Amino acid sequence: MQRPRILLADDHRVLSEGLRSLLEPHFDVVGIVADGRELVAAAKRLDPDVVVLDISMPTLNGIDAARQLRSAGDRPKLVFLTMHREVTYAARALEAGASGFVLKHSAASELVTAIHEALKGGTYITPQIASELLGFYRRVPPAGAEAPNKLTPRQREVLQLVAEGRSAKEIAVILCISRRTAEFHKARLMESLGVQSIAELIQYAIRAGIISV
């Protein structure tokens, strides 16, 4: 019987290699990537059954990468492995299509359990935040779990890259657009959010969970 195929996405290589060692007795680890854009490309190329991904990754965070996979029709199961224990992150991950949410300081066996549960079509939430998440949904309708949705997917991409300190030229290269278009998106973004400075953009990105500190 063919073993389930796992793709790992985390920008800490040492951690990724540790995860590979942990998971290989149970699954086939078909690739390791270090940022959200690599993840989207690798998922299309490698066709994994499950993607284990972090939330905080450069160039494209895990939640927006998950949204891109879903919008493109790619259907790997998504299990988030992250240091963020705030329930708003878990809610956003679930809204983006996650089948699992595990904290990095949990027992190693918990990630294996979460992957098996995802493969069976279930959902696994680490017990450390499960009750808090239930309370969150009792207070806030599921649609409210999403990060502020006044931004388009492209604006969210530009926001993350600006908040990471990327120049208009770098943004243009990453997004395969012209520098003028990158500057236009940045200007429209600031206008849409009603902010006047890059510092305010960064503050918004942190509050919206697009980047972390």
N, C-alpha and C. Protein backbone atom coordinates (compact mmCIF):
# COMPACT_ATOMS: atom_id res chain seq x y z
N MET A 1 0.85 -1.20 0.00
CA MET A 1 0.00 0.00 0.00
C MET A 1 0.89 1.25 0.00
N GLN A 2 0.55 2.20 -0.87
CA GLN A 2 1.36 3.42 -0.97
C GLN A 2 1.15 4.28 0.27
N ARG A 3 2.25 4.78 0.81
CA ARG A 3 2.15 5.60 2.01
C ARG A 3 1.73 7.03 1.63
N PRO A 4 1.03 7.71 2.54
CA PRO A 4 0.64 9.10 2.27
C PRO A 4 1.85 9.98 2.02
N ARG A 5 1.69 10.93 1.11
CA ARG A 5 2.77 11.83 0.71
C ARG A 5 2.62 13.15 1.47
N ILE A 6 3.73 13.60 2.09
CA ILE A 6 3.71 14.79 2.94
C ILE A 6 4.67 15.84 2.37
N LEU A 7 4.20 17.08 2.29
CA LEU A 7 5.04 18.23 1.93
C LEU A 7 5.17 19.11 3.16
N LEU A 8 6.40 19.49 3.52
CA LEU A 8 6.67 20.33 4.69
C LEU A 8 6.98 21.75 4.25
N ALA A 9 6.42 22.72 4.97
CA ALA A 9 6.67 24.13 4.66
C ALA A 9 6.96 24.88 5.94
N ASP A 10 8.21 25.27 6.11
CA ASP A 10 8.63 26.01 7.30
C ASP A 10 9.94 26.71 6.95
N ASP A 11 10.10 27.95 7.41
CA ASP A 11 11.31 28.68 7.03
C ASP A 11 12.48 28.41 7.97
N HIS A 12 12.32 27.51 8.92
CA HIS A 12 13.43 27.11 9.78
C HIS A 12 13.90 25.71 9.35
N ARG A 13 15.02 25.67 8.65
CA ARG A 13 15.47 24.42 8.04
C ARG A 13 15.75 23.34 9.07
N VAL A 14 16.31 23.72 10.20
CA VAL A 14 16.63 22.72 11.23
C VAL A 14 15.35 22.04 11.70
N LEU A 15 14.31 22.84 11.92
CA LEU A 15 13.03 22.28 12.33
C LEU A 15 12.47 21.36 11.24
N SER A 16 12.55 21.79 9.99
CA SER A 16 12.02 20.97 8.90
C SER A 16 12.72 19.62 8.82
N GLU A 17 14.04 19.63 8.99
CA GLU A 17 14.77 18.36 8.94
C GLU A 17 14.39 17.47 10.12
N GLY A 18 14.15 18.09 11.28
CA GLY A 18 13.68 17.33 12.42
C GLY A 18 12.30 16.72 12.17
N LEU A 19 11.43 17.49 11.53
CA LEU A 19 10.11 16.97 11.19
C LEU A 19 10.21 15.82 10.19
N ARG A 20 11.13 15.96 9.24
CA ARG A 20 11.32 14.87 8.27
C ARG A 20 11.64 13.56 9.00
N SER A 21 12.59 13.64 9.95
CA SER A 21 12.98 12.44 10.70
C SER A 21 11.81 11.87 11.50
N LEU A 22 10.99 12.77 12.03
CA LEU A 22 9.84 12.35 12.83
C LEU A 22 8.78 11.65 11.96
N LEU A 23 8.56 12.18 10.77
CA LEU A 23 7.44 11.72 9.95
C LEU A 23 7.78 10.56 9.03
N GLU A 24 9.06 10.41 8.65
CA GLU A 24 9.41 9.40 7.66
C GLU A 24 9.09 7.96 8.07
N PRO A 25 9.09 7.61 9.36
CA PRO A 25 8.65 6.24 9.69
C PRO A 25 7.18 5.97 9.36
N HIS A 26 6.39 7.03 9.19
CA HIS A 26 4.95 6.87 8.98
C HIS A 26 4.50 7.27 7.57
N PHE A 27 5.22 8.22 6.94
CA PHE A 27 4.78 8.80 5.68
C PHE A 27 5.97 8.97 4.73
N ASP A 28 5.67 9.28 3.48
CA ASP A 28 6.70 9.67 2.52
C ASP A 28 6.78 11.19 2.48
N VAL A 29 7.88 11.75 2.93
CA VAL A 29 8.09 13.20 2.88
C VAL A 29 8.65 13.52 1.49
N VAL A 30 7.82 14.17 0.67
CA VAL A 30 8.19 14.35 -0.75
C VAL A 30 8.88 15.68 -1.02
N GLY A 31 8.92 16.57 -0.02
CA GLY A 31 9.59 17.85 -0.24
C GLY A 31 9.56 18.73 0.98
N ILE A 32 10.49 19.68 1.01
CA ILE A 32 10.58 20.70 2.06
C ILE A 32 10.74 22.05 1.38
N VAL A 33 9.91 23.01 1.75
CA VAL A 33 10.01 24.36 1.20
C VAL A 33 10.09 25.36 2.35
N ALA A 34 10.55 26.57 2.03
CA ALA A 34 10.85 27.54 3.08
C ALA A 34 9.97 28.79 3.06
N ASP A 35 9.11 28.94 2.05
CA ASP A 35 8.21 30.10 2.08
C ASP A 35 6.91 29.76 1.37
N GLY A 36 5.92 30.66 1.51
CA GLY A 36 4.60 30.38 1.00
C GLY A 36 4.52 30.25 -0.50
N ARG A 37 5.31 31.01 -1.22
CA ARG A 37 5.27 30.91 -2.68
C ARG A 37 5.89 29.60 -3.17
N GLU A 38 6.97 29.19 -2.53
CA GLU A 38 7.52 27.87 -2.85
C GLU A 38 6.49 26.78 -2.55
N LEU A 39 5.76 26.96 -1.47
CA LEU A 39 4.75 25.97 -1.10
C LEU A 39 3.69 25.81 -2.19
N VAL A 40 3.15 26.92 -2.66
CA VAL A 40 2.10 26.86 -3.69
C VAL A 40 2.62 26.16 -4.94
N ALA A 41 3.84 26.50 -5.35
CA ALA A 41 4.42 25.88 -6.55
C ALA A 41 4.70 24.40 -6.33
N ALA A 42 5.26 24.07 -5.15
CA ALA A 42 5.62 22.68 -4.89
C ALA A 42 4.39 21.79 -4.74
N ALA A 43 3.32 22.32 -4.17
CA ALA A 43 2.10 21.54 -4.02
C ALA A 43 1.52 21.15 -5.38
N LYS A 44 1.60 22.06 -6.34
CA LYS A 44 1.13 21.75 -7.70
C LYS A 44 2.02 20.70 -8.36
N ARG A 45 3.32 20.81 -8.11
CA ARG A 45 4.28 19.93 -8.77
C ARG A 45 4.34 18.53 -8.15
N LEU A 46 4.25 18.46 -6.82
CA LEU A 46 4.48 17.21 -6.11
C LEU A 46 3.20 16.46 -5.74
N ASP A 47 2.05 17.14 -5.78
CA ASP A 47 0.76 16.52 -5.49
C ASP A 47 0.75 15.75 -4.17
N PRO A 48 1.06 16.42 -3.04
CA PRO A 48 1.06 15.71 -1.76
C PRO A 48 -0.35 15.42 -1.28
N ASP A 49 -0.46 14.44 -0.39
CA ASP A 49 -1.75 14.17 0.25
C ASP A 49 -2.00 15.16 1.39
N VAL A 50 -0.92 15.55 2.08
CA VAL A 50 -1.01 16.47 3.23
C VAL A 50 0.13 17.47 3.15
N VAL A 51 -0.19 18.72 3.43
CA VAL A 51 0.83 19.75 3.59
C VAL A 51 0.89 20.13 5.07
N VAL A 52 2.07 20.04 5.66
CA VAL A 52 2.29 20.52 7.03
C VAL A 52 2.98 21.87 6.90
N LEU A 53 2.32 22.93 7.38
CA LEU A 53 2.83 24.27 7.11
C LEU A 53 2.76 25.15 8.34
N ASP A 54 3.66 26.12 8.36
CA ASP A 54 3.67 27.13 9.40
C ASP A 54 2.80 28.30 8.96
N ILE A 55 2.42 29.17 9.89
CA ILE A 55 1.70 30.39 9.54
C ILE A 55 2.69 31.47 9.12
N SER A 56 3.72 31.71 9.92
CA SER A 56 4.68 32.77 9.64
C SER A 56 5.75 32.26 8.69
N MET A 57 5.66 32.67 7.42
CA MET A 57 6.67 32.34 6.42
C MET A 57 6.91 33.57 5.56
N PRO A 58 8.12 33.73 5.01
CA PRO A 58 8.41 34.91 4.19
C PRO A 58 7.71 34.88 2.84
N THR A 59 7.54 36.05 2.27
CA THR A 59 6.95 36.36 0.96
C THR A 59 5.46 36.04 0.85
N LEU A 60 4.99 35.00 1.52
CA LEU A 60 3.56 34.68 1.55
C LEU A 60 3.30 33.84 2.78
N ASN A 61 2.47 34.33 3.70
CA ASN A 61 2.23 33.58 4.93
C ASN A 61 1.41 32.32 4.66
N GLY A 62 1.42 31.40 5.62
CA GLY A 62 0.79 30.11 5.42
C GLY A 62 -0.70 30.17 5.16
N ILE A 63 -1.39 31.09 5.83
CA ILE A 63 -2.84 31.18 5.65
C ILE A 63 -3.18 31.66 4.24
N ASP A 64 -2.48 32.66 3.74
CA ASP A 64 -2.75 33.11 2.38
C ASP A 64 -2.28 32.08 1.35
N ALA A 65 -1.22 31.34 1.65
CA ALA A 65 -0.81 30.25 0.75
C ALA A 65 -1.90 29.19 0.70
N ALA A 66 -2.50 28.88 1.85
CA ALA A 66 -3.59 27.91 1.88
C ALA A 66 -4.77 28.39 1.05
N ARG A 67 -5.07 29.66 1.14
CA ARG A 67 -6.17 30.21 0.34
C ARG A 67 -5.88 30.09 -1.16
N GLN A 68 -4.62 30.33 -1.53
CA GLN A 68 -4.27 30.21 -2.95
C GLN A 68 -4.41 28.77 -3.43
N LEU A 69 -4.01 27.82 -2.61
CA LEU A 69 -4.16 26.41 -2.99
C LEU A 69 -5.63 26.06 -3.18
N ARG A 70 -6.46 26.53 -2.27
CA ARG A 70 -7.88 26.22 -2.36
C ARG A 70 -8.52 26.89 -3.58
N SER A 71 -8.17 28.15 -3.83
CA SER A 71 -8.77 28.86 -4.96
C SER A 71 -8.34 28.26 -6.29
N ALA A 72 -7.17 27.61 -6.31
CA ALA A 72 -6.68 26.97 -7.54
C ALA A 72 -7.23 25.56 -7.71
N GLY A 73 -8.00 25.10 -6.72
CA GLY A 73 -8.58 23.78 -6.81
C GLY A 73 -7.70 22.66 -6.30
N ASP A 74 -6.55 22.99 -5.74
CA ASP A 74 -5.67 21.96 -5.18
C ASP A 74 -6.26 21.47 -3.86
N ARG A 75 -6.25 20.16 -3.66
CA ARG A 75 -6.96 19.62 -2.52
C ARG A 75 -6.12 18.83 -1.52
N PRO A 76 -4.85 19.14 -1.31
CA PRO A 76 -4.16 18.43 -0.22
C PRO A 76 -4.76 18.83 1.11
N LYS A 77 -4.71 17.94 2.06
CA LYS A 77 -5.11 18.28 3.42
C LYS A 77 -4.05 19.21 4.00
N LEU A 78 -4.49 20.16 4.80
CA LEU A 78 -3.59 21.17 5.36
C LEU A 78 -3.55 21.05 6.88
N VAL A 79 -2.37 20.83 7.41
CA VAL A 79 -2.18 20.76 8.87
C VAL A 79 -1.19 21.85 9.25
N PHE A 80 -1.65 22.82 10.01
CA PHE A 80 -0.78 23.91 10.45
C PHE A 80 -0.01 23.47 11.69
N LEU A 81 1.29 23.73 11.67
CA LEU A 81 2.17 23.50 12.81
C LEU A 81 2.84 24.82 13.11
N THR A 82 2.48 25.44 14.24
CA THR A 82 2.87 26.83 14.46
C THR A 82 3.12 27.12 15.93
N MET A 83 3.82 28.22 16.17
CA MET A 83 4.03 28.68 17.54
C MET A 83 2.90 29.59 18.00
N HIS A 84 2.00 30.00 17.09
CA HIS A 84 0.93 30.94 17.44
C HIS A 84 -0.24 30.21 18.10
N ARG A 85 -0.45 30.46 19.38
CA ARG A 85 -1.52 29.79 20.09
C ARG A 85 -2.79 30.64 20.19
N GLU A 86 -2.77 31.87 19.64
CA GLU A 86 -3.96 32.69 19.70
C GLU A 86 -5.07 32.06 18.86
N VAL A 87 -6.28 32.04 19.41
CA VAL A 87 -7.37 31.33 18.73
C VAL A 87 -7.73 32.01 17.40
N THR A 88 -7.46 33.31 17.26
CA THR A 88 -7.78 33.95 15.99
C THR A 88 -6.98 33.34 14.84
N TYR A 89 -5.73 32.93 15.12
CA TYR A 89 -4.93 32.28 14.08
C TYR A 89 -5.55 30.93 13.72
N ALA A 90 -5.97 30.17 14.72
CA ALA A 90 -6.60 28.88 14.45
C ALA A 90 -7.88 29.06 13.65
N ALA A 91 -8.67 30.07 14.00
CA ALA A 91 -9.91 30.33 13.27
C ALA A 91 -9.64 30.69 11.82
N ARG A 92 -8.63 31.52 11.59
CA ARG A 92 -8.29 31.89 10.22
C ARG A 92 -7.76 30.70 9.44
N ALA A 93 -7.00 29.85 10.11
CA ALA A 93 -6.49 28.65 9.44
C ALA A 93 -7.64 27.74 9.01
N LEU A 94 -8.60 27.54 9.89
CA LEU A 94 -9.75 26.70 9.56
C LEU A 94 -10.56 27.31 8.42
N GLU A 95 -10.73 28.63 8.45
CA GLU A 95 -11.46 29.30 7.38
C GLU A 95 -10.75 29.13 6.05
N ALA A 96 -9.42 29.04 6.08
CA ALA A 96 -8.63 28.87 4.86
C ALA A 96 -8.59 27.42 4.38
N GLY A 97 -9.22 26.51 5.13
CA GLY A 97 -9.31 25.13 4.70
C GLY A 97 -8.49 24.13 5.48
N ALA A 98 -7.96 24.52 6.64
CA ALA A 98 -7.12 23.61 7.42
C ALA A 98 -7.91 22.43 7.96
N SER A 99 -7.23 21.29 8.03
CA SER A 99 -7.78 20.10 8.69
C SER A 99 -7.11 19.84 10.03
N GLY A 100 -6.11 20.63 10.35
CA GLY A 100 -5.41 20.43 11.61
C GLY A 100 -4.70 21.69 12.05
N PHE A 101 -4.57 21.86 13.37
CA PHE A 101 -3.86 23.00 13.95
C PHE A 101 -3.15 22.50 15.19
N VAL A 102 -1.81 22.44 15.12
CA VAL A 102 -0.98 21.88 16.18
C VAL A 102 0.07 22.91 16.57
N LEU A 103 0.36 23.01 17.85
CA LEU A 103 1.38 23.94 18.33
C LEU A 103 2.76 23.26 18.30
N LYS A 104 3.77 24.05 18.00
CA LYS A 104 5.12 23.49 17.85
C LYS A 104 5.66 22.89 19.13
N HIS A 105 5.21 23.37 20.28
CA HIS A 105 5.75 22.80 21.52
C HIS A 105 4.91 21.62 22.02
N SER A 106 3.96 21.16 21.20
CA SER A 106 3.19 19.97 21.57
C SER A 106 4.05 18.72 21.44
N ALA A 107 3.56 17.61 21.98
CA ALA A 107 4.27 16.34 21.83
C ALA A 107 4.38 15.98 20.36
N ALA A 108 5.50 15.39 19.99
CA ALA A 108 5.73 15.06 18.58
C ALA A 108 4.64 14.15 18.04
N SER A 109 4.13 13.24 18.87
CA SER A 109 3.11 12.30 18.42
C SER A 109 1.82 13.00 18.03
N GLU A 110 1.61 14.22 18.55
CA GLU A 110 0.38 14.94 18.25
C GLU A 110 0.30 15.32 16.77
N LEU A 111 1.43 15.66 16.16
CA LEU A 111 1.43 15.99 14.74
C LEU A 111 1.07 14.76 13.90
N VAL A 112 1.61 13.61 14.26
CA VAL A 112 1.28 12.37 13.54
C VAL A 112 -0.21 12.08 13.67
N THR A 113 -0.76 12.27 14.85
CA THR A 113 -2.19 12.07 15.07
C THR A 113 -3.01 13.02 14.20
N ALA A 114 -2.59 14.29 14.15
CA ALA A 114 -3.32 15.29 13.36
C ALA A 114 -3.30 14.92 11.88
N ILE A 115 -2.17 14.43 11.37
CA ILE A 115 -2.08 14.05 9.96
C ILE A 115 -3.00 12.87 9.67
N HIS A 116 -2.99 11.87 10.53
CA HIS A 116 -3.87 10.72 10.33
C HIS A 116 -5.34 11.15 10.34
N GLU A 117 -5.68 12.04 11.26
CA GLU A 117 -7.07 12.52 11.34
C GLU A 117 -7.45 13.27 10.07
N ALA A 118 -6.54 14.09 9.56
CA ALA A 118 -6.80 14.82 8.32
C ALA A 118 -7.01 13.87 7.15
N LEU A 119 -6.18 12.82 7.08
CA LEU A 119 -6.29 11.85 5.99
C LEU A 119 -7.62 11.11 6.03
N LYS A 120 -8.21 10.97 7.22
CA LYS A 120 -9.50 10.31 7.36
C LYS A 120 -10.67 11.25 7.07
N GLY A 121 -10.34 12.52 6.78
CA GLY A 121 -11.40 13.48 6.51
C GLY A 121 -11.87 14.25 7.72
N GLY A 122 -11.17 14.08 8.85
CA GLY A 122 -11.55 14.78 10.07
C GLY A 122 -10.77 16.06 10.27
N THR A 123 -10.96 16.66 11.43
CA THR A 123 -10.25 17.89 11.80
C THR A 123 -9.65 17.70 13.18
N TYR A 124 -8.39 18.08 13.33
CA TYR A 124 -7.72 17.96 14.62
C TYR A 124 -7.28 19.34 15.09
N ILE A 125 -7.71 19.71 16.29
CA ILE A 125 -7.27 20.95 16.93
C ILE A 125 -6.56 20.59 18.22
N THR A 126 -5.37 21.13 18.41
CA THR A 126 -4.62 20.80 19.62
C THR A 126 -5.46 21.07 20.86
N PRO A 127 -5.50 20.14 21.82
CA PRO A 127 -6.34 20.31 23.01
C PRO A 127 -6.03 21.59 23.80
N GLN A 128 -4.82 22.12 23.65
CA GLN A 128 -4.44 23.30 24.41
C GLN A 128 -5.27 24.53 24.06
N ILE A 129 -5.85 24.55 22.84
CA ILE A 129 -6.66 25.71 22.48
C ILE A 129 -8.07 25.33 22.02
N ALA A 130 -8.42 24.04 22.06
CA ALA A 130 -9.71 23.60 21.53
C ALA A 130 -10.88 24.28 22.24
N SER A 131 -10.84 24.33 23.57
CA SER A 131 -11.95 24.94 24.30
C SER A 131 -12.01 26.45 24.05
N GLU A 132 -10.83 27.10 23.94
CA GLU A 132 -10.81 28.53 23.63
C GLU A 132 -11.40 28.80 22.26
N LEU A 133 -11.10 27.91 21.30
CA LEU A 133 -11.62 28.09 19.95
C LEU A 133 -13.14 27.94 19.93
N LEU A 134 -13.66 27.00 20.69
CA LEU A 134 -15.11 26.84 20.78
C LEU A 134 -15.73 28.10 21.35
N GLY A 135 -15.11 28.65 22.39
CA GLY A 135 -15.62 29.89 22.96
C GLY A 135 -15.56 31.04 21.98
N PHE A 136 -14.51 31.06 21.17
CA PHE A 136 -14.38 32.12 20.15
C PHE A 136 -15.54 32.06 19.17
N TYR A 137 -15.87 30.86 18.69
CA TYR A 137 -16.95 30.73 17.72
C TYR A 137 -18.31 31.01 18.34
N ARG A 138 -18.43 30.80 19.63
CA ARG A 138 -19.69 31.15 20.30
C ARG A 138 -19.88 32.66 20.36
N ARG A 139 -18.75 33.38 20.42
CA ARG A 139 -18.82 34.84 20.51
C ARG A 139 -18.86 35.50 19.15
N VAL A 140 -18.18 34.88 18.16
CA VAL A 140 -18.02 35.50 16.85
C VAL A 140 -18.51 34.53 15.78
N PRO A 141 -19.38 34.94 14.87
CA PRO A 141 -19.79 34.07 13.77
C PRO A 141 -18.57 33.66 12.96
N PRO A 142 -18.55 32.44 12.37
CA PRO A 142 -17.39 31.97 11.63
C PRO A 142 -16.88 32.95 10.60
N ALA A 143 -17.76 33.70 9.92
CA ALA A 143 -17.27 34.66 8.91
C ALA A 143 -16.39 35.71 9.54
N GLY A 144 -16.62 36.00 10.84
CA GLY A 144 -15.82 37.01 11.51
C GLY A 144 -14.45 36.53 11.89
N ALA A 145 -14.20 35.22 11.68
CA ALA A 145 -12.88 34.68 12.00
C ALA A 145 -11.84 35.11 10.98
N GLU A 146 -12.30 35.52 9.81
CA GLU A 146 -11.36 35.88 8.75
C GLU A 146 -10.70 37.21 9.06
N ALA A 147 -9.46 37.35 8.66
CA ALA A 147 -8.78 38.63 8.78
C ALA A 147 -9.56 39.67 8.00
N PRO A 148 -9.45 40.94 8.36
CA PRO A 148 -10.24 41.97 7.67
C PRO A 148 -10.24 41.77 6.16
N ASN A 149 -11.45 41.62 5.58
CA ASN A 149 -11.52 41.20 4.19
C ASN A 149 -11.78 42.35 3.25
N LYS A 150 -11.39 43.55 3.66
CA LYS A 150 -11.52 44.70 2.77
C LYS A 150 -10.43 44.69 1.71
N LEU A 151 -9.43 43.82 1.87
CA LEU A 151 -8.32 43.77 0.92
C LEU A 151 -8.52 42.63 -0.07
N THR A 152 -8.08 42.85 -1.30
CA THR A 152 -8.07 41.80 -2.30
C THR A 152 -6.90 40.86 -2.01
N PRO A 153 -6.91 39.64 -2.59
CA PRO A 153 -5.75 38.75 -2.41
C PRO A 153 -4.44 39.40 -2.84
N ARG A 154 -4.45 40.15 -3.94
CA ARG A 154 -3.24 40.82 -4.40
C ARG A 154 -2.78 41.87 -3.38
N GLN A 155 -3.72 42.62 -2.82
CA GLN A 155 -3.36 43.63 -1.82
C GLN A 155 -2.77 42.98 -0.58
N ARG A 156 -3.29 41.82 -0.19
CA ARG A 156 -2.73 41.11 0.96
C ARG A 156 -1.30 40.67 0.67
N GLU A 157 -1.05 40.22 -0.55
CA GLU A 157 0.31 39.83 -0.94
C GLU A 157 1.25 41.03 -0.85
N VAL A 158 0.82 42.15 -1.42
CA VAL A 158 1.65 43.35 -1.41
C VAL A 158 1.87 43.83 0.02
N LEU A 159 0.82 43.77 0.84
CA LEU A 159 0.95 44.20 2.23
C LEU A 159 2.02 43.39 2.94
N GLN A 160 2.00 42.07 2.80
CA GLN A 160 3.02 41.27 3.47
C GLN A 160 4.41 41.63 3.00
N LEU A 161 4.58 41.79 1.70
CA LEU A 161 5.91 42.08 1.16
C LEU A 161 6.41 43.46 1.60
N VAL A 162 5.52 44.45 1.61
CA VAL A 162 5.90 45.78 2.10
C VAL A 162 6.27 45.71 3.57
N ALA A 163 5.46 44.98 4.36
CA ALA A 163 5.72 44.87 5.80
C ALA A 163 7.01 44.13 6.08
N GLU A 164 7.44 43.29 5.15
CA GLU A 164 8.72 42.59 5.30
C GLU A 164 9.90 43.46 4.89
N GLY A 165 9.62 44.67 4.42
CA GLY A 165 10.68 45.58 4.04
C GLY A 165 11.14 45.46 2.60
N ARG A 166 10.34 44.82 1.75
CA ARG A 166 10.71 44.66 0.34
C ARG A 166 10.50 45.98 -0.41
N SER A 167 11.40 46.27 -1.32
CA SER A 167 11.27 47.46 -2.16
C SER A 167 10.27 47.20 -3.27
N ALA A 168 9.84 48.28 -3.95
CA ALA A 168 8.92 48.12 -5.08
C ALA A 168 9.54 47.22 -6.15
N LYS A 169 10.84 47.37 -6.38
CA LYS A 169 11.52 46.53 -7.37
C LYS A 169 11.47 45.06 -6.97
N GLU A 170 11.73 44.77 -5.70
CA GLU A 170 11.69 43.38 -5.23
C GLU A 170 10.28 42.81 -5.31
N ILE A 171 9.30 43.63 -4.95
CA ILE A 171 7.91 43.19 -5.03
C ILE A 171 7.54 42.85 -6.47
N ALA A 172 7.98 43.69 -7.39
CA ALA A 172 7.69 43.46 -8.80
C ALA A 172 8.26 42.13 -9.27
N VAL A 173 9.49 41.81 -8.85
CA VAL A 173 10.12 40.55 -9.25
C VAL A 173 9.37 39.36 -8.66
N ILE A 174 9.04 39.44 -7.37
CA ILE A 174 8.37 38.32 -6.69
C ILE A 174 6.99 38.05 -7.29
N LEU A 175 6.25 39.11 -7.60
CA LEU A 175 4.88 38.96 -8.09
C LEU A 175 4.79 38.92 -9.61
N CYS A 176 5.95 39.03 -10.27
CA CYS A 176 5.99 39.00 -11.75
C CYS A 176 5.14 40.11 -12.35
N ILE A 177 5.31 41.31 -11.83
CA ILE A 177 4.63 42.49 -12.35
C ILE A 177 5.66 43.57 -12.56
N SER A 178 5.26 44.69 -13.18
CA SER A 178 6.20 45.78 -13.37
C SER A 178 6.38 46.56 -12.07
N ARG A 179 7.48 47.30 -12.01
CA ARG A 179 7.72 48.12 -10.83
C ARG A 179 6.62 49.17 -10.68
N ARG A 180 6.17 49.74 -11.79
CA ARG A 180 5.11 50.74 -11.73
C ARG A 180 3.82 50.13 -11.17
N THR A 181 3.52 48.90 -11.58
CA THR A 181 2.32 48.24 -11.06
C THR A 181 2.46 47.97 -9.57
N ALA A 182 3.65 47.58 -9.14
CA ALA A 182 3.89 47.34 -7.72
C ALA A 182 3.67 48.62 -6.92
N GLU A 183 4.17 49.73 -7.43
CA GLU A 183 3.99 51.01 -6.75
C GLU A 183 2.51 51.41 -6.73
N PHE A 184 1.79 51.10 -7.82
CA PHE A 184 0.36 51.39 -7.87
C PHE A 184 -0.39 50.59 -6.81
N HIS A 185 -0.09 49.30 -6.70
CA HIS A 185 -0.75 48.47 -5.69
C HIS A 185 -0.47 48.98 -4.28
N LYS A 186 0.76 49.39 -4.06
CA LYS A 186 1.13 49.91 -2.73
C LYS A 186 0.35 51.18 -2.43
N ALA A 187 0.23 52.08 -3.40
CA ALA A 187 -0.51 53.32 -3.19
C ALA A 187 -1.99 53.05 -2.94
N ARG A 188 -2.58 52.14 -3.74
CA ARG A 188 -3.98 51.81 -3.57
C ARG A 188 -4.22 51.14 -2.22
N LEU A 189 -3.25 50.34 -1.79
CA LEU A 189 -3.34 49.67 -0.50
C LEU A 189 -3.40 50.69 0.63
N MET A 190 -2.50 51.67 0.60
CA MET A 190 -2.47 52.69 1.64
C MET A 190 -3.75 53.52 1.61
N GLU A 191 -4.25 53.80 0.42
CA GLU A 191 -5.49 54.55 0.30
C GLU A 191 -6.66 53.75 0.87
N SER A 192 -6.71 52.45 0.56
CA SER A 192 -7.79 51.60 1.03
C SER A 192 -7.82 51.49 2.54
N LEU A 193 -6.63 51.43 3.15
CA LEU A 193 -6.54 51.29 4.61
C LEU A 193 -6.55 52.62 5.34
N GLY A 194 -6.43 53.70 4.59
CA GLY A 194 -6.42 55.02 5.21
C GLY A 194 -5.19 55.27 6.05
N VAL A 195 -4.04 54.76 5.60
CA VAL A 195 -2.79 54.97 6.34
C VAL A 195 -1.88 55.89 5.54
N GLN A 196 -0.95 56.51 6.25
CA GLN A 196 -0.08 57.51 5.63
C GLN A 196 1.38 57.11 5.58
N SER A 197 1.75 56.00 6.23
CA SER A 197 3.17 55.65 6.32
C SER A 197 3.35 54.14 6.28
N ILE A 198 4.59 53.74 5.99
CA ILE A 198 4.92 52.33 5.99
C ILE A 198 4.77 51.76 7.41
N ALA A 199 5.12 52.54 8.41
CA ALA A 199 4.98 52.07 9.80
C ALA A 199 3.54 51.69 10.10
N GLU A 200 2.60 52.49 9.63
CA GLU A 200 1.19 52.17 9.85
C GLU A 200 0.78 50.92 9.08
N LEU A 201 1.33 50.74 7.88
CA LEU A 201 1.07 49.52 7.12
C LEU A 201 1.56 48.29 7.89
N ILE A 202 2.75 48.40 8.46
CA ILE A 202 3.30 47.28 9.22
C ILE A 202 2.43 46.97 10.43
N GLN A 203 1.99 48.02 11.13
CA GLN A 203 1.12 47.82 12.29
C GLN A 203 -0.17 47.11 11.88
N TYR A 204 -0.73 47.50 10.74
CA TYR A 204 -1.95 46.85 10.27
C TYR A 204 -1.69 45.38 9.95
N ALA A 205 -0.57 45.11 9.28
CA ALA A 205 -0.24 43.74 8.91
C ALA A 205 -0.10 42.85 10.14
N ILE A 206 0.47 43.39 11.20
CA ILE A 206 0.62 42.62 12.45
C ILE A 206 -0.75 42.38 13.07
N ARG A 207 -1.58 43.41 13.14
CA ARG A 207 -2.92 43.25 13.75
C ARG A 207 -3.77 42.26 12.96
N ALA A 208 -3.61 42.23 11.64
CA ALA A 208 -4.41 41.35 10.79
C ALA A 208 -3.84 39.94 10.72
N GLY A 209 -2.71 39.70 11.37
CA GLY A 209 -2.12 38.37 11.37
C GLY A 209 -1.43 38.00 10.08
N ILE A 210 -1.12 38.99 9.24
CA ILE A 210 -0.46 38.73 7.97
C ILE A 210 1.04 38.51 8.17
N ILE A 211 1.62 39.24 9.12
CA ILE A 211 2.99 38.97 9.56
C ILE A 211 2.97 38.91 11.08
N SER A 212 4.03 38.40 11.66
CA SER A 212 4.13 38.32 13.12
C SER A 212 5.45 38.92 13.56
N VAL A 213 5.53 39.23 14.83
CA VAL A 213 6.76 39.77 15.39
C VAL A 213 7.23 38.90 16.52
